[in-house]
């Protein structure tokens, strides 16, 4: 999929799948966010708008 804008943020403190789900679901509720993908290994979140 092609998004207008992508941003990668460093996020500390995420340690499990529950953290991933909580962050992705919370970001997904924002009207300006089309897609959010958490990467536990790199402690980051890629947000597409």
PDB file of N, CA and C in Angstrom:
ATOM      1  N   UNK A   1       0.833  -1.177   0.000  1.00  0.00           N
ATOM      2  CA  UNK A   1       0.000   0.000   0.000  1.00  0.00           C
ATOM      3  C   UNK A   1       0.883   1.247   0.000  1.00  0.00           C
ATOM      4  N   UNK A   2       0.437   2.295  -0.633  1.00  0.00           N
ATOM      5  CA  UNK A   2       1.205   3.528  -0.718  1.00  0.00           C
ATOM      6  C   UNK A   2       0.560   4.601   0.151  1.00  0.00           C
ATOM      7  N   UNK A   3       1.285   5.054   1.147  1.00  0.00           N
ATOM      8  CA  UNK A   3       0.773   6.063   2.065  1.00  0.00           C
ATOM      9  C   UNK A   3       1.415   7.407   1.753  1.00  0.00           C
ATOM     10  N   UNK A   4       0.702   8.472   2.104  1.00  0.00           N
ATOM     11  CA  UNK A   4       1.216   9.811   1.847  1.00  0.00           C
ATOM     12  C   UNK A   4       2.442  10.124   2.696  1.00  0.00           C
ATOM     13  N   UNK A   5       2.437   9.637   3.939  1.00  0.00           N
ATOM     14  CA  UNK A   5       3.530   9.974   4.835  1.00  0.00           C
ATOM     15  C   UNK A   5       3.775   8.832   5.809  1.00  0.00           C
ATOM     16  N   UNK A   6       5.046   8.512   6.029  1.00  0.00           N
ATOM     17  CA  UNK A   6       5.431   7.494   7.004  1.00  0.00           C
ATOM     18  C   UNK A   6       6.389   8.109   8.008  1.00  0.00           C
ATOM     19  N   UNK A   7       6.250   7.684   9.252  1.00  0.00           N
ATOM     20  CA  UNK A   7       7.109   8.161  10.325  1.00  0.00           C
ATOM     21  C   UNK A   7       7.508   6.971  11.180  1.00  0.00           C
ATOM     22  N   UNK A   8       8.765   6.933  11.593  1.00  0.00           N
ATOM     23  CA  UNK A   8       9.227   5.892  12.506  1.00  0.00           C
ATOM     24  C   UNK A   8       9.617   6.564  13.815  1.00  0.00           C
ATOM     25  N   UNK A   9       9.037   6.067  14.906  1.00  0.00           N
ATOM     26  CA  UNK A   9       9.321   6.600  16.232  1.00  0.00           C
ATOM     27  C   UNK A   9       9.977   5.530  17.087  1.00  0.00           C
ATOM     28  N   UNK A  10      10.948   5.923  17.902  1.00  0.00           N
ATOM     29  CA  UNK A  10      11.529   5.019  18.885  1.00  0.00           C
ATOM     30  C   UNK A  10      10.641   5.035  20.116  1.00  0.00           C
ATOM     31  N   UNK A  11      10.300   3.850  20.614  1.00  0.00           N
ATOM     32  CA  UNK A  11       9.431   3.727  21.780  1.00  0.00           C
ATOM     33  C   UNK A  11      10.094   2.756  22.755  1.00  0.00           C
ATOM     34  N   UNK A  12      10.349   3.214  23.967  1.00  0.00           N
ATOM     35  CA  UNK A  12      10.969   2.355  24.968  1.00  0.00           C
ATOM     36  C   UNK A  12       9.914   1.746  25.878  1.00  0.00           C
ATOM     37  N   UNK A  13      10.259   0.636  26.494  1.00  0.00           N
ATOM     38  CA  UNK A  13       9.388   0.011  27.480  1.00  0.00           C
ATOM     39  C   UNK A  13       8.459  -1.059  26.945  1.00  0.00           C
ATOM     40  N   UNK A  14       8.460  -1.297  25.643  1.00  0.00           N
ATOM     41  CA  UNK A  14       7.615  -2.358  25.078  1.00  0.00           C
ATOM     42  C   UNK A  14       8.360  -3.683  25.214  1.00  0.00           C
ATOM     43  N   UNK A  15       7.708  -4.673  25.857  1.00  0.00           N
ATOM     44  CA  UNK A  15       8.414  -5.925  26.112  1.00  0.00           C
ATOM     45  C   UNK A  15       7.659  -7.178  25.670  1.00  0.00           C
ATOM     46  N   UNK A  16       6.412  -7.019  25.226  1.00  0.00           N
ATOM     47  CA  UNK A  16       5.632  -8.228  24.929  1.00  0.00           C
ATOM     48  C   UNK A  16       4.588  -7.962  23.845  1.00  0.00           C
ATOM     49  N   UNK A  17       3.919  -9.029  23.451  1.00  0.00           N
ATOM     50  CA  UNK A  17       2.873  -8.935  22.441  1.00  0.00           C
ATOM     51  C   UNK A  17       1.710  -8.067  22.870  1.00  0.00           C
ATOM     52  N   UNK A  18       1.430  -8.040  24.169  1.00  0.00           N
ATOM     53  CA  UNK A  18       0.352  -7.182  24.663  1.00  0.00           C
ATOM     54  C   UNK A  18       0.694  -5.710  24.423  1.00  0.00           C
ATOM     55  N   UNK A  19       1.946  -5.355  24.636  1.00  0.00           N
ATOM     56  CA  UNK A  19       2.393  -3.979  24.372  1.00  0.00           C
ATOM     57  C   UNK A  19       2.188  -3.635  22.895  1.00  0.00           C
ATOM     58  N   UNK A  20       2.569  -4.557  22.035  1.00  0.00           N
ATOM     59  CA  UNK A  20       2.420  -4.357  20.590  1.00  0.00           C
ATOM     60  C   UNK A  20       0.960  -4.102  20.249  1.00  0.00           C
ATOM     61  N   UNK A  21       0.088  -4.968  20.724  1.00  0.00           N
ATOM     62  CA  UNK A  21      -1.339  -4.848  20.426  1.00  0.00           C
ATOM     63  C   UNK A  21      -1.904  -3.538  20.955  1.00  0.00           C
ATOM     64  N   UNK A  22      -1.547  -3.173  22.179  1.00  0.00           N
ATOM     65  CA  UNK A  22      -2.070  -1.949  22.787  1.00  0.00           C
ATOM     66  C   UNK A  22      -1.647  -0.705  22.003  1.00  0.00           C
ATOM     67  N   UNK A  23      -0.385  -0.654  21.613  1.00  0.00           N
ATOM     68  CA  UNK A  23       0.118   0.512  20.873  1.00  0.00           C
ATOM     69  C   UNK A  23      -0.509   0.572  19.483  1.00  0.00           C
ATOM     70  N   UNK A  24      -0.541  -0.555  18.767  1.00  0.00           N
ATOM     71  CA  UNK A  24      -1.112  -0.567  17.421  1.00  0.00           C
ATOM     72  C   UNK A  24      -2.600  -0.221  17.443  1.00  0.00           C
ATOM     73  N   UNK A  25      -3.339  -0.752  18.408  1.00  0.00           N
ATOM     74  CA  UNK A  25      -4.771  -0.447  18.491  1.00  0.00           C
ATOM     75  C   UNK A  25      -5.015   1.014  18.857  1.00  0.00           C
ATOM     76  N   UNK A  26      -4.232   1.543  19.781  1.00  0.00           N
ATOM     77  CA  UNK A  26      -4.407   2.944  20.178  1.00  0.00           C
ATOM     78  C   UNK A  26      -4.110   3.887  19.023  1.00  0.00           C
ATOM     79  N   UNK A  27      -3.013   3.639  18.317  1.00  0.00           N
ATOM     80  CA  UNK A  27      -2.678   4.486  17.172  1.00  0.00           C
ATOM     81  C   UNK A  27      -3.705   4.324  16.059  1.00  0.00           C
ATOM     82  N   UNK A  28      -4.216   3.121  15.879  1.00  0.00           N
ATOM     83  CA  UNK A  28      -5.206   2.857  14.842  1.00  0.00           C
ATOM     84  C   UNK A  28      -6.516   3.599  15.049  1.00  0.00           C
ATOM     85  N   UNK A  29      -6.792   4.015  16.262  1.00  0.00           N
ATOM     86  CA  UNK A  29      -8.018   4.764  16.559  1.00  0.00           C
ATOM     87  C   UNK A  29      -7.923   6.231  16.149  1.00  0.00           C
ATOM     88  N   UNK A  30      -6.716   6.698  15.883  1.00  0.00           N
ATOM     89  CA  UNK A  30      -6.536   8.088  15.467  1.00  0.00           C
ATOM     90  C   UNK A  30      -6.946   8.242  14.003  1.00  0.00           C
ATOM     91  N   UNK A  31      -7.728   9.258  13.719  1.00  0.00           N
ATOM     92  CA  UNK A  31      -8.254   9.440  12.361  1.00  0.00           C
ATOM     93  C   UNK A  31      -7.161   9.680  11.320  1.00  0.00           C
ATOM     94  N   UNK A  32      -6.041  10.226  11.721  1.00  0.00           N
ATOM     95  CA  UNK A  32      -4.975  10.534  10.767  1.00  0.00           C
ATOM     96  C   UNK A  32      -4.037   9.354  10.520  1.00  0.00           C
ATOM     97  N   UNK A  33      -4.193   8.264  11.263  1.00  0.00           N
ATOM     98  CA  UNK A  33      -3.319   7.102  11.118  1.00  0.00           C
ATOM     99  C   UNK A  33      -4.006   6.041  10.264  1.00  0.00           C
ATOM    100  N   UNK A  34      -3.352   5.660   9.172  1.00  0.00           N
ATOM    101  CA  UNK A  34      -3.869   4.611   8.297  1.00  0.00           C
ATOM    102  C   UNK A  34      -3.391   3.237   8.749  1.00  0.00           C
ATOM    103  N   UNK A  35      -2.157   3.171   9.266  1.00  0.00           N
ATOM    104  CA  UNK A  35      -1.549   1.894   9.631  1.00  0.00           C
ATOM    105  C   UNK A  35      -0.445   2.151  10.648  1.00  0.00           C
ATOM    106  N   UNK A  36      -0.336   1.278  11.636  1.00  0.00           N
ATOM    107  CA  UNK A  36       0.748   1.371  12.613  1.00  0.00           C
ATOM    108  C   UNK A  36       1.319  -0.020  12.829  1.00  0.00           C
ATOM    109  N   UNK A  37       2.631  -0.132  12.800  1.00  0.00           N
ATOM    110  CA  UNK A  37       3.294  -1.426  12.963  1.00  0.00           C
ATOM    111  C   UNK A  37       4.422  -1.295  13.977  1.00  0.00           C
ATOM    112  N   UNK A  38       4.313  -2.050  15.068  1.00  0.00           N
ATOM    113  CA  UNK A  38       5.325  -2.040  16.120  1.00  0.00           C
ATOM    114  C   UNK A  38       6.383  -3.093  15.816  1.00  0.00           C
ATOM    115  N   UNK A  39       7.639  -2.743  16.077  1.00  0.00           N
ATOM    116  CA  UNK A  39       8.747  -3.681  15.961  1.00  0.00           C
ATOM    117  C   UNK A  39       9.415  -3.762  17.333  1.00  0.00           C
ATOM    118  N   UNK A  40       9.175  -4.861  18.058  1.00  0.00           N
ATOM    119  CA  UNK A  40       9.756  -5.017  19.394  1.00  0.00           C
ATOM    120  C   UNK A  40      11.278  -5.063  19.351  1.00  0.00           C
ATOM    121  N   UNK A  41      11.827  -5.731  18.347  1.00  0.00           N
ATOM    122  CA  UNK A  41      13.277  -5.901  18.256  1.00  0.00           C
ATOM    123  C   UNK A  41      14.008  -4.562  18.176  1.00  0.00           C
ATOM    124  N   UNK A  42      13.450  -3.628  17.421  1.00  0.00           N
ATOM    125  CA  UNK A  42      14.103  -2.319  17.265  1.00  0.00           C
ATOM    126  C   UNK A  42      13.492  -1.252  18.170  1.00  0.00           C
ATOM    127  N   UNK A  43      12.519  -1.635  18.993  1.00  0.00           N
ATOM    128  CA  UNK A  43      11.822  -0.693  19.889  1.00  0.00           C
ATOM    129  C   UNK A  43      11.300   0.512  19.117  1.00  0.00           C
ATOM    130  N   UNK A  44      10.603   0.223  18.021  1.00  0.00           N
ATOM    131  CA  UNK A  44      10.110   1.309  17.182  1.00  0.00           C
ATOM    132  C   UNK A  44       8.686   1.045  16.710  1.00  0.00           C
ATOM    133  N   UNK A  45       8.070   2.123  16.242  1.00  0.00           N
ATOM    134  CA  UNK A  45       6.739   2.047  15.654  1.00  0.00           C
ATOM    135  C   UNK A  45       6.772   2.798  14.336  1.00  0.00           C
ATOM    136  N   UNK A  46       6.337   2.146  13.264  1.00  0.00           N
ATOM    137  CA  UNK A  46       6.203   2.812  11.973  1.00  0.00           C
ATOM    138  C   UNK A  46       4.745   3.199  11.808  1.00  0.00           C
ATOM    139  N   UNK A  47       4.518   4.478  11.570  1.00  0.00           N
ATOM    140  CA  UNK A  47       3.162   5.008  11.439  1.00  0.00           C
ATOM    141  C   UNK A  47       2.989   5.547  10.028  1.00  0.00           C
ATOM    142  N   UNK A  48       1.939   5.083   9.356  1.00  0.00           N
ATOM    143  CA  UNK A  48       1.618   5.547   8.008  1.00  0.00           C
ATOM    144  C   UNK A  48       0.348   6.374   8.061  1.00  0.00           C
ATOM    145  N   UNK A  49       0.396   7.512   7.391  1.00  0.00           N
ATOM    146  CA  UNK A  49      -0.758   8.412   7.376  1.00  0.00           C
ATOM    147  C   UNK A  49      -1.147   8.723   5.949  1.00  0.00           C
TER     148      UNK A  49
END
